[in-house]
Amino acid sequence: MGVIVVGSANVDLVTVTPRMPVPGETLVGTSFEQLFGGKGANQAVAAALLGSQVSMVAKLGTDKLGEASFSNFKSLGVDTTHVGTTGDAASGVAFVQRYAGGDCREVSFAASLLRRAVSRCHLGGISDVGGWPHRCRIALALGVISAVSR
């Protein structure tokens, strides 16, 4: 049985600081990571790593982050037939701040790209993804339902 995931794909920019800065304060981070993320992308990759046949439905910007996300999907065995690109918006980015005490704050840009880019038209043909029979699982990541229903 296959899995179709409709959702966001981000590049997460993660910094770690000893504590949350107060307004107007600049803290020096103790570490920085650039990771692939997005609720939909995370679901797709996890299912592929567990051995499922997975197809991702998303839009990426026509920028370096979009190219890197596309390559990441392919390298991990996620079908990218329904991952499109658009020059109308930048690829999704999440700015994540982690603090030594375990607290975390995040600001995500992916939702605005998703609303502009994933449409009913983009979802056309989804019933025949990868030539699968009509028996498959579809995962909608948070935020997709309102974007698709417009």
Foldseek 3Di string as FASTA:
>chain_A
DAEEEEWAKAWEWEFEDQDDDDPPDDGDTPDIDTHIDTQRLVVQLVCLVVPHAYEYAEEAEPDPRRVVRVVVCVVSRYHDPRYYYDPPDHGKYKYKYAHPVGDIDIDIPGLVRLLVPDEVVSCPPVCCVVNDHNDYHYHYDPNNVVSHVD
